Amino acid sequence: MLPATSKLCAAISYRHLRNMTGLRRQAAVAISQELSRLASHSPGPSTWIHQVRRRSSLLSSRLEEKSFSEMQMSYIKQGEEALQKSLRILEDQDDWKTETVAGNGDKVLSKVLPDVGKVFRLEVVVDQPLDTVYGELVDNMEQMGDWNPNVKEVRILEKIGKDTVITHEKAAATPGNIVGPRDFVSVRCSKRRGSTCVLAGMSTTYGAMPEQEGFIRAENGPTCMVLRPLPGSPSQTRLTWLLSIDLKGWLPKTIINQVLSQTQVDFAKHLRQRLAR
């Protein structure tokens, strides 16, 4: 009975596979092969195999439902990778050095990582509930240039599902034009788990946005912002921003470090002003 059932399942799977491409087809093939292997080695049908078959069927239908292209799937994977890398960096509490502490308690720390370089970490408390902060940073992302003087423009190039976007950002000129015009193409991933929100990103390539004349294409990431309600005070939000940027070009490290740490302090100030309105 089992061999016949396996052949029937394989035939059904084949008809579905003809309509799949790329990663979806690979996933379905792997599932089908594994189920056939289990069926051939088992004395009889089991509840576990039945459940896996049911779940694999649901998985295949979900994959077909979303209909992401291979390129879109690669962007989703990049966003997830940026999120995981960023969280691993933040979880390691060792070797962080204080860069600056503002009078209101805002703090910027830094550390050097062998495979990333120097990263900066901003720790602040914002007197607004998490949903308000999240809405400004995610839902109103393209308006950031209206309130953050360090940002000239943020434009969403493509939305992929509900969690992933490709963006193009232009940095504003620094005082005295110490750092020339820079721009970034990034993949961004936003996740919400209970009372914690994580907004992660990293540089990527996007065919429709090649390097722009008059701008140096800089790179960022892994980078992320973590939002959590302040314990005991749900009307306030603790914001942690991990910043990792390679500005490219010929710039002394002392200038880069000064610009990046000040950028984070300025961001917190301007975000508060924006939310207060």
C-alpha atoms as a PDB file:
ATOM      1  CA  MET A   1       0.000   0.000   0.000  1.00  0.00           C
ATOM      2  CA  LEU A   2       2.759   2.439   0.929  1.00  0.00           C
ATOM      3  CA  PRO A   3       4.641   2.204  -2.400  1.00  0.00           C
ATOM      4  CA  ALA A   4       1.421   2.867  -4.269  1.00  0.00           C
ATOM      5  CA  THR A   5       0.606   5.803  -2.019  1.00  0.00           C
ATOM      6  CA  SER A   6       4.120   7.190  -2.507  1.00  0.00           C
ATOM      7  CA  LYS A   7       3.766   6.965  -6.297  1.00  0.00           C
ATOM      8  CA  LEU A   8       0.398   8.688  -6.142  1.00  0.00           C
ATOM      9  CA  CYS A   9       1.806  11.487  -3.972  1.00  0.00           C
ATOM     10  CA  ALA A  10       4.789  11.824  -6.302  1.00  0.00           C
ATOM     11  CA  ALA A  11       2.500  12.106  -9.328  1.00  0.00           C
ATOM     12  CA  ILE A  12       0.371  14.752  -7.632  1.00  0.00           C
ATOM     13  CA  SER A  13       3.502  16.631  -6.538  1.00  0.00           C
ATOM     14  CA  TYR A  14       4.869  16.531 -10.081  1.00  0.00           C
ATOM     15  CA  ARG A  15       1.808  18.267 -11.477  1.00  0.00           C
ATOM     16  CA  HIS A  16       2.208  21.042  -8.889  1.00  0.00           C
ATOM     17  CA  LEU A  17       5.947  21.250  -9.458  1.00  0.00           C
ATOM     18  CA  ARG A  18       5.518  22.049 -13.123  1.00  0.00           C
ATOM     19  CA  ASN A  19       3.902  25.324 -12.026  1.00  0.00           C
ATOM     20  CA  MET A  20       6.667  26.253  -9.565  1.00  0.00           C
ATOM     21  CA  THR A  21      10.005  27.920 -10.125  1.00  0.00           C
ATOM     22  CA  GLY A  22      13.249  28.479  -8.287  1.00  0.00           C
ATOM     23  CA  LEU A  23      13.334  28.240  -4.505  1.00  0.00           C
ATOM     24  CA  ARG A  24       9.703  27.129  -4.250  1.00  0.00           C
ATOM     25  CA  ARG A  25      10.362  24.168  -6.513  1.00  0.00           C
ATOM     26  CA  GLN A  26      13.503  23.248  -4.555  1.00  0.00           C
ATOM     27  CA  ALA A  27      11.583  23.345  -1.277  1.00  0.00           C
ATOM     28  CA  ALA A  28       8.759  21.190  -2.639  1.00  0.00           C
ATOM     29  CA  VAL A  29      11.202  18.682  -4.177  1.00  0.00           C
ATOM     30  CA  ALA A  30      13.057  18.331  -0.873  1.00  0.00           C
ATOM     31  CA  ILE A  31       9.795  17.767   1.015  1.00  0.00           C
ATOM     32  CA  SER A  32       8.587  15.205  -1.509  1.00  0.00           C
ATOM     33  CA  GLN A  33      11.886  13.297  -1.417  1.00  0.00           C
ATOM     34  CA  GLU A  34      11.930  13.242   2.381  1.00  0.00           C
ATOM     35  CA  LEU A  35       8.352  11.984   2.611  1.00  0.00           C
ATOM     36  CA  SER A  36       9.056   9.232   0.082  1.00  0.00           C
ATOM     37  CA  ARG A  37      12.126   8.175   2.103  1.00  0.00           C
ATOM     38  CA  LEU A  38      10.105   8.040   5.333  1.00  0.00           C
ATOM     39  CA  ALA A  39       7.312   6.091   3.689  1.00  0.00           C
ATOM     40  CA  SER A  40       9.677   3.464   2.253  1.00  0.00           C
ATOM     41  CA  HIS A  41      11.376   2.869   5.651  1.00  0.00           C
ATOM     42  CA  SER A  42       8.289   2.835   7.866  1.00  0.00           C
ATOM     43  CA  PRO A  43       6.295  -0.357   8.640  1.00  0.00           C
ATOM     44  CA  GLY A  44       3.059   1.545   8.140  1.00  0.00           C
ATOM     45  CA  PRO A  45       1.494   4.964   8.033  1.00  0.00           C
ATOM     46  CA  SER A  46       2.032   6.975  11.203  1.00  0.00           C
ATOM     47  CA  THR A  47       0.376  10.034  12.680  1.00  0.00           C
ATOM     48  CA  TRP A  48       3.640  11.925  12.453  1.00  0.00           C
ATOM     49  CA  ILE A  49       4.003  11.303   8.711  1.00  0.00           C
ATOM     50  CA  HIS A  50       0.394  12.313   8.183  1.00  0.00           C
ATOM     51  CA  GLN A  51       0.972  15.572  10.033  1.00  0.00           C
ATOM     52  CA  VAL A  52       4.134  16.325   8.070  1.00  0.00           C
ATOM     53  CA  ARG A  53       2.326  15.634   4.806  1.00  0.00           C
ATOM     54  CA  ARG A  54      -0.437  17.981   5.863  1.00  0.00           C
ATOM     55  CA  ARG A  55       2.045  20.678   6.880  1.00  0.00           C
ATOM     56  CA  SER A  56       4.053  20.278   3.674  1.00  0.00           C
ATOM     57  CA  SER A  57       0.865  20.649   1.675  1.00  0.00           C
ATOM     58  CA  LEU A  58       0.051  23.843   3.563  1.00  0.00           C
ATOM     59  CA  LEU A  59       3.614  25.056   3.007  1.00  0.00           C
ATOM     60  CA  SER A  60       3.390  24.458  -0.733  1.00  0.00           C
ATOM     61  CA  SER A  61       0.067  26.263  -0.952  1.00  0.00           C
ATOM     62  CA  ARG A  62       1.471  29.214   1.012  1.00  0.00           C
ATOM     63  CA  LEU A  63       4.515  29.368  -1.249  1.00  0.00           C
ATOM     64  CA  GLU A  64       2.292  29.396  -4.322  1.00  0.00           C
ATOM     65  CA  GLU A  65      -0.022  31.936  -2.699  1.00  0.00           C
ATOM     66  CA  LYS A  66       2.739  34.474  -2.058  1.00  0.00           C
ATOM     67  CA  SER A  67       4.321  33.956  -5.479  1.00  0.00           C
ATOM     68  CA  PHE A  68       7.608  35.655  -4.620  1.00  0.00           C
ATOM     69  CA  SER A  69      10.235  35.625  -7.338  1.00  0.00           C
ATOM     70  CA  GLU A  70      13.691  34.206  -6.648  1.00  0.00           C
ATOM     71  CA  MET A  71      15.069  37.747  -6.453  1.00  0.00           C
ATOM     72  CA  GLN A  72      12.392  38.775  -3.955  1.00  0.00           C
ATOM     73  CA  MET A  73      13.125  35.694  -1.874  1.00  0.00           C
ATOM     74  CA  SER A  74      16.812  36.648  -1.842  1.00  0.00           C
ATOM     75  CA  TYR A  75      15.902  40.121  -0.510  1.00  0.00           C
ATOM     76  CA  ILE A  76      13.723  38.569   2.207  1.00  0.00           C
ATOM     77  CA  LYS A  77      16.647  36.342   3.176  1.00  0.00           C
ATOM     78  CA  GLN A  78      19.020  39.345   3.279  1.00  0.00           C
ATOM     79  CA  GLY A  79      16.635  41.188   5.596  1.00  0.00           C
ATOM     80  CA  GLU A  80      16.422  38.204   7.924  1.00  0.00           C
ATOM     81  CA  GLU A  81      20.219  37.892   7.864  1.00  0.00           C
ATOM     82  CA  ALA A  82      20.607  41.560   8.815  1.00  0.00           C
ATOM     83  CA  LEU A  83      18.179  41.084  11.688  1.00  0.00           C
ATOM     84  CA  GLN A  84      19.941  38.001  13.072  1.00  0.00           C
ATOM     85  CA  LYS A  85      23.425  39.519  12.763  1.00  0.00           C
ATOM     86  CA  SER A  86      22.332  42.747  14.436  1.00  0.00           C
ATOM     87  CA  LEU A  87      20.734  40.962  17.370  1.00  0.00           C
ATOM     88  CA  ARG A  88      23.836  38.818  17.894  1.00  0.00           C
ATOM     89  CA  ILE A  89      25.949  41.976  18.075  1.00  0.00           C
ATOM     90  CA  LEU A  90      23.595  43.612  20.585  1.00  0.00           C
ATOM     91  CA  GLU A  91      23.378  40.469  22.711  1.00  0.00           C
ATOM     92  CA  ASP A  92      27.134  40.527  23.333  1.00  0.00           C
ATOM     93  CA  GLN A  93      27.512  43.046  26.170  1.00  0.00           C
ATOM     94  CA  ASP A  94      31.308  42.849  26.363  1.00  0.00           C
ATOM     95  CA  ASP A  95      33.845  45.491  25.224  1.00  0.00           C
ATOM     96  CA  TRP A  96      31.439  48.363  24.568  1.00  0.00           C
ATOM     97  CA  LYS A  97      33.114  51.747  25.131  1.00  0.00           C
ATOM     98  CA  THR A  98      31.298  55.000  25.849  1.00  0.00           C
ATOM     99  CA  GLU A  99      31.589  57.544  23.024  1.00  0.00           C
ATOM    100  CA  THR A 100      29.339  60.264  24.425  1.00  0.00           C
ATOM    101  CA  VAL A 101      26.668  60.849  27.070  1.00  0.00           C
ATOM    102  CA  ALA A 102      24.210  63.720  26.586  1.00  0.00           C
ATOM    103  CA  GLY A 103      22.814  65.774  29.445  1.00  0.00           C
ATOM    104  CA  ASN A 104      19.423  64.040  29.145  1.00  0.00           C
ATOM    105  CA  GLY A 105      20.972  60.575  29.527  1.00  0.00           C
ATOM    106  CA  ASP A 106      21.170  59.658  25.817  1.00  0.00           C
ATOM    107  CA  LYS A 107      24.232  57.493  25.376  1.00  0.00           C
ATOM    108  CA  VAL A 108      26.338  56.358  22.412  1.00  0.00           C
ATOM    109  CA  LEU A 109      28.674  53.375  22.814  1.00  0.00           C
ATOM    110  CA  SER A 110      30.954  51.651  20.326  1.00  0.00           C
ATOM    111  CA  LYS A 111      33.005  48.532  19.772  1.00  0.00           C
ATOM    112  CA  VAL A 112      35.175  47.096  17.009  1.00  0.00           C
ATOM    113  CA  LEU A 113      34.202  43.770  15.450  1.00  0.00           C
ATOM    114  CA  PRO A 114      36.677  41.737  13.362  1.00  0.00           C
ATOM    115  CA  ASP A 115      34.294  41.061  10.467  1.00  0.00           C
ATOM    116  CA  VAL A 116      32.301  44.312  10.567  1.00  0.00           C
ATOM    117  CA  GLY A 117      34.527  47.105  11.813  1.00  0.00           C
ATOM    118  CA  LYS A 118      33.450  49.801  14.261  1.00  0.00           C
ATOM    119  CA  VAL A 119      29.794  49.787  15.247  1.00  0.00           C
ATOM    120  CA  PHE A 120      27.876  52.361  17.281  1.00  0.00           C
ATOM    121  CA  ARG A 121      25.001  51.809  19.678  1.00  0.00           C
ATOM    122  CA  LEU A 122      22.556  54.504  20.759  1.00  0.00           C
ATOM    123  CA  GLU A 123      20.525  53.995  23.955  1.00  0.00           C
ATOM    124  CA  VAL A 124      17.664  56.442  24.589  1.00  0.00           C
ATOM    125  CA  VAL A 125      14.214  56.658  26.175  1.00  0.00           C
ATOM    126  CA  VAL A 126      11.502  58.444  24.201  1.00  0.00           C
ATOM    127  CA  ASP A 127       8.447  59.883  25.962  1.00  0.00           C
ATOM    128  CA  GLN A 128       6.010  58.312  23.519  1.00  0.00           C
ATOM    129  CA  PRO A 129       4.332  54.870  23.409  1.00  0.00           C
ATOM    130  CA  LEU A 130       5.874  52.181  21.228  1.00  0.00           C
ATOM    131  CA  ASP A 131       3.131  52.243  18.568  1.00  0.00           C
ATOM    132  CA  THR A 132       3.691  55.952  17.983  1.00  0.00           C
ATOM    133  CA  VAL A 133       7.460  55.542  17.585  1.00  0.00           C
ATOM    134  CA  TYR A 134       7.038  52.458  15.383  1.00  0.00           C
ATOM    135  CA  GLY A 135       4.542  54.259  13.162  1.00  0.00           C
ATOM    136  CA  GLU A 136       6.912  57.173  12.595  1.00  0.00           C
ATOM    137  CA  LEU A 137       9.950  55.011  11.829  1.00  0.00           C
ATOM    138  CA  VAL A 138       8.211  52.377   9.693  1.00  0.00           C
ATOM    139  CA  ASP A 139       4.868  53.566   8.359  1.00  0.00           C
ATOM    140  CA  ASN A 140       6.103  57.140   7.770  1.00  0.00           C
ATOM    141  CA  MET A 141       9.603  56.139   6.695  1.00  0.00           C
ATOM    142  CA  GLU A 142       9.567  58.260   3.545  1.00  0.00           C
ATOM    143  CA  GLN A 143       8.874  61.394   5.596  1.00  0.00           C
ATOM    144  CA  MET A 144      12.128  61.155   7.550  1.00  0.00           C
ATOM    145  CA  GLY A 145      13.752  63.802   5.387  1.00  0.00           C
ATOM    146  CA  ASP A 146      11.111  66.271   6.629  1.00  0.00           C
ATOM    147  CA  TRP A 147      12.318  66.166  10.236  1.00  0.00           C
ATOM    148  CA  ASN A 148      15.840  64.716  10.284  1.00  0.00           C
ATOM    149  CA  PRO A 149      18.374  67.259   8.899  1.00  0.00           C
ATOM    150  CA  ASN A 150      20.911  64.459   8.382  1.00  0.00           C
ATOM    151  CA  VAL A 151      18.620  62.794   5.831  1.00  0.00           C
ATOM    152  CA  LYS A 152      17.857  64.390   2.492  1.00  0.00           C
ATOM    153  CA  GLU A 153      15.476  61.735   1.184  1.00  0.00           C
ATOM    154  CA  VAL A 154      14.195  58.220   1.858  1.00  0.00           C
ATOM    155  CA  ARG A 155      12.317  56.510  -0.950  1.00  0.00           C
ATOM    156  CA  ILE A 156      10.783  53.035  -0.996  1.00  0.00           C
ATOM    157  CA  LEU A 157      11.747  51.321  -4.246  1.00  0.00           C
ATOM    158  CA  GLU A 158       9.858  48.063  -3.683  1.00  0.00           C
ATOM    159  CA  LYS A 159       7.710  46.427  -1.024  1.00  0.00           C
ATOM    160  CA  ILE A 160       8.025  42.656  -0.646  1.00  0.00           C
ATOM    161  CA  GLY A 161       5.306  41.136   1.508  1.00  0.00           C
ATOM    162  CA  LYS A 162       4.448  42.860   4.758  1.00  0.00           C
ATOM    163  CA  ASP A 163       7.914  42.852   6.376  1.00  0.00           C
ATOM    164  CA  THR A 164      10.504  43.709   3.705  1.00  0.00           C
ATOM    165  CA  VAL A 165      11.222  46.842   1.643  1.00  0.00           C
ATOM    166  CA  ILE A 166      14.016  48.043  -0.632  1.00  0.00           C
ATOM    167  CA  THR A 167      14.898  51.699  -0.045  1.00  0.00           C
ATOM    168  CA  HIS A 168      17.100  54.410  -1.505  1.00  0.00           C
ATOM    169  CA  GLU A 169      18.398  56.979   0.975  1.00  0.00           C
ATOM    170  CA  LYS A 170      20.290  60.193   0.326  1.00  0.00           C
ATOM    171  CA  ALA A 171      22.293  61.650   3.211  1.00  0.00           C
ATOM    172  CA  ALA A 172      22.253  65.421   3.695  1.00  0.00           C
ATOM    173  CA  ALA A 173      25.496  67.363   3.453  1.00  0.00           C
ATOM    174  CA  THR A 174      27.418  67.687   6.717  1.00  0.00           C
ATOM    175  CA  PRO A 175      28.422  71.113   8.125  1.00  0.00           C
ATOM    176  CA  GLY A 176      31.359  72.432   6.149  1.00  0.00           C
ATOM    177  CA  ASN A 177      30.769  69.575   3.683  1.00  0.00           C
ATOM    178  CA  ILE A 178      33.306  67.478   5.614  1.00  0.00           C
ATOM    179  CA  VAL A 179      31.633  64.344   4.271  1.00  0.00           C
ATOM    180  CA  GLY A 180      30.517  64.665   0.646  1.00  0.00           C
ATOM    181  CA  PRO A 181      27.132  63.477  -0.704  1.00  0.00           C
ATOM    182  CA  ARG A 182      26.434  59.826   0.092  1.00  0.00           C
ATOM    183  CA  ASP A 183      23.568  57.550  -0.816  1.00  0.00           C
ATOM    184  CA  PHE A 184      22.543  54.022   0.160  1.00  0.00           C
ATOM    185  CA  VAL A 185      20.435  51.224  -1.301  1.00  0.00           C
ATOM    186  CA  SER A 186      19.186  49.022   1.512  1.00  0.00           C
ATOM    187  CA  VAL A 187      16.957  46.062   2.229  1.00  0.00           C
ATOM    188  CA  ARG A 188      14.942  46.610   5.409  1.00  0.00           C
ATOM    189  CA  CYS A 189      13.084  44.073   7.505  1.00  0.00           C
ATOM    190  CA  SER A 190      10.611  44.887  10.303  1.00  0.00           C
ATOM    191  CA  LYS A 191       9.473  42.287  12.834  1.00  0.00           C
ATOM    192  CA  ARG A 192       7.173  42.587  15.816  1.00  0.00           C
ATOM    193  CA  ARG A 193       7.226  39.922  18.518  1.00  0.00           C
ATOM    194  CA  GLY A 194       4.955  40.682  21.450  1.00  0.00           C
ATOM    195  CA  SER A 195       6.018  43.985  22.972  1.00  0.00           C
ATOM    196  CA  THR A 196       9.346  44.144  21.071  1.00  0.00           C
ATOM    197  CA  CYS A 197       9.842  45.579  17.588  1.00  0.00           C
ATOM    198  CA  VAL A 198      13.010  45.126  15.543  1.00  0.00           C
ATOM    199  CA  LEU A 199      13.754  47.169  12.413  1.00  0.00           C
ATOM    200  CA  ALA A 200      16.826  45.761  10.677  1.00  0.00           C
ATOM    201  CA  GLY A 201      18.649  46.453   7.444  1.00  0.00           C
ATOM    202  CA  MET A 202      21.768  46.196   5.342  1.00  0.00           C
ATOM    203  CA  SER A 203      23.066  47.394   1.992  1.00  0.00           C
ATOM    204  CA  THR A 204      22.027  45.563  -1.141  1.00  0.00           C
ATOM    205  CA  THR A 205      22.089  45.948  -4.911  1.00  0.00           C
ATOM    206  CA  TYR A 206      19.003  46.873  -6.902  1.00  0.00           C
ATOM    207  CA  GLY A 207      19.100  46.937 -10.687  1.00  0.00           C
ATOM    208  CA  ALA A 208      16.714  49.860 -11.016  1.00  0.00           C
ATOM    209  CA  MET A 209      18.879  52.058  -8.751  1.00  0.00           C
ATOM    210  CA  PRO A 210      22.500  52.065  -9.985  1.00  0.00           C
ATOM    211  CA  GLU A 211      25.087  54.481  -8.579  1.00  0.00           C
ATOM    212  CA  GLN A 212      23.953  58.085  -8.944  1.00  0.00           C
ATOM    213  CA  GLU A 213      26.007  60.905 -10.421  1.00  0.00           C
ATOM    214  CA  GLY A 214      27.242  63.264  -7.726  1.00  0.00           C
ATOM    215  CA  PHE A 215      26.903  60.684  -4.916  1.00  0.00           C
ATOM    216  CA  ILE A 216      29.280  58.143  -3.425  1.00  0.00           C
ATOM    217  CA  ARG A 217      27.431  54.850  -2.863  1.00  0.00           C
ATOM    218  CA  ALA A 218      28.128  54.062   0.800  1.00  0.00           C
ATOM    219  CA  GLU A 219      27.280  50.800   2.569  1.00  0.00           C
ATOM    220  CA  ASN A 220      25.489  50.105   5.824  1.00  0.00           C
ATOM    221  CA  GLY A 221      24.768  47.093   7.923  1.00  0.00           C
ATOM    222  CA  PRO A 222      24.097  45.087   9.654  1.00  0.00           C
ATOM    223  CA  THR A 223      22.067  47.753  11.424  1.00  0.00           C
ATOM    224  CA  CYS A 224      18.885  47.725  13.448  1.00  0.00           C
ATOM    225  CA  MET A 225      16.613  49.574  15.849  1.00  0.00           C
ATOM    226  CA  VAL A 226      15.001  47.752  18.765  1.00  0.00           C
ATOM    227  CA  LEU A 227      11.897  49.275  20.349  1.00  0.00           C
ATOM    228  CA  ARG A 228      10.538  48.149  23.738  1.00  0.00           C
ATOM    229  CA  PRO A 229       8.141  49.708  26.231  1.00  0.00           C
ATOM    230  CA  LEU A 230       9.993  51.065  29.242  1.00  0.00           C
ATOM    231  CA  PRO A 231       9.353  48.636  32.149  1.00  0.00           C
ATOM    232  CA  GLY A 232       6.674  50.064  34.420  1.00  0.00           C
ATOM    233  CA  SER A 233       5.951  52.933  32.010  1.00  0.00           C
ATOM    234  CA  PRO A 234       4.151  51.813  28.822  1.00  0.00           C
ATOM    235  CA  SER A 235       3.811  55.435  27.664  1.00  0.00           C
ATOM    236  CA  GLN A 236       7.598  55.550  27.145  1.00  0.00           C
ATOM    237  CA  THR A 237       9.756  53.609  24.694  1.00  0.00           C
ATOM    238  CA  ARG A 238      13.339  52.424  25.038  1.00  0.00           C
ATOM    239  CA  LEU A 239      15.082  52.708  21.674  1.00  0.00           C
ATOM    240  CA  THR A 240      18.369  50.974  20.881  1.00  0.00           C
ATOM    241  CA  TRP A 241      19.960  51.803  17.536  1.00  0.00           C
ATOM    242  CA  LEU A 242      22.868  49.732  16.213  1.00  0.00           C
ATOM    243  CA  LEU A 243      24.671  51.658  13.455  1.00  0.00           C
ATOM    244  CA  SER A 244      27.289  50.198  11.128  1.00  0.00           C
ATOM    245  CA  ILE A 245      28.334  52.262   8.098  1.00  0.00           C
ATOM    246  CA  ASP A 246      31.162  52.294   5.598  1.00  0.00           C
ATOM    247  CA  LEU A 247      31.094  55.811   4.117  1.00  0.00           C
ATOM    248  CA  LYS A 248      33.654  54.888   1.441  1.00  0.00           C
ATOM    249  CA  GLY A 249      36.030  57.481   0.024  1.00  0.00           C
ATOM    250  CA  TRP A 250      39.150  58.903   1.654  1.00  0.00           C
ATOM    251  CA  LEU A 251      38.050  59.976   5.120  1.00  0.00           C
ATOM    252  CA  PRO A 252      40.103  59.889   8.355  1.00  0.00           C
ATOM    253  CA  LYS A 253      38.657  57.479  10.915  1.00  0.00           C
ATOM    254  CA  THR A 254      38.564  60.198  13.562  1.00  0.00           C
ATOM    255  CA  ILE A 255      36.211  62.265  11.400  1.00  0.00           C
ATOM    256  CA  ILE A 256      34.043  59.252  10.569  1.00  0.00           C
ATOM    257  CA  ASN A 257      33.703  58.299  14.242  1.00  0.00           C
ATOM    258  CA  GLN A 258      32.820  61.838  15.228  1.00  0.00           C
ATOM    259  CA  VAL A 259      30.221  62.202  12.458  1.00  0.00           C
ATOM    260  CA  LEU A 260      28.520  58.867  13.135  1.00  0.00           C
ATOM    261  CA  SER A 261      28.240  59.241  16.909  1.00  0.00           C
ATOM    262  CA  GLN A 262      26.919  62.803  16.504  1.00  0.00           C
ATOM    263  CA  THR A 263      24.455  61.572  13.881  1.00  0.00           C
ATOM    264  CA  GLN A 264      22.921  59.220  16.444  1.00  0.00           C
ATOM    265  CA  VAL A 265      22.647  61.908  19.136  1.00  0.00           C
ATOM    266  CA  ASP A 266      21.061  64.289  16.621  1.00  0.00           C
ATOM    267  CA  PHE A 267      18.630  61.606  15.484  1.00  0.00           C
ATOM    268  CA  ALA A 268      17.253  61.136  19.011  1.00  0.00           C
ATOM    269  CA  LYS A 269      16.795  64.896  19.418  1.00  0.00           C
ATOM    270  CA  HIS A 270      15.002  65.344  16.104  1.00  0.00           C
ATOM    271  CA  LEU A 271      12.839  62.252  16.630  1.00  0.00           C
ATOM    272  CA  ARG A 272      11.609  63.654  19.942  1.00  0.00           C
ATOM    273  CA  GLN A 273      10.809  66.970  18.297  1.00  0.00           C
ATOM    274  CA  ARG A 274       8.900  65.224  15.521  1.00  0.00           C
ATOM    275  CA  LEU A 275       6.847  63.101  17.930  1.00  0.00           C
ATOM    276  CA  ALA A 276       6.122  66.085  20.182  1.00  0.00           C
ATOM    277  CA  ARG A 277       4.298  67.734  17.277  1.00  0.00           C
END
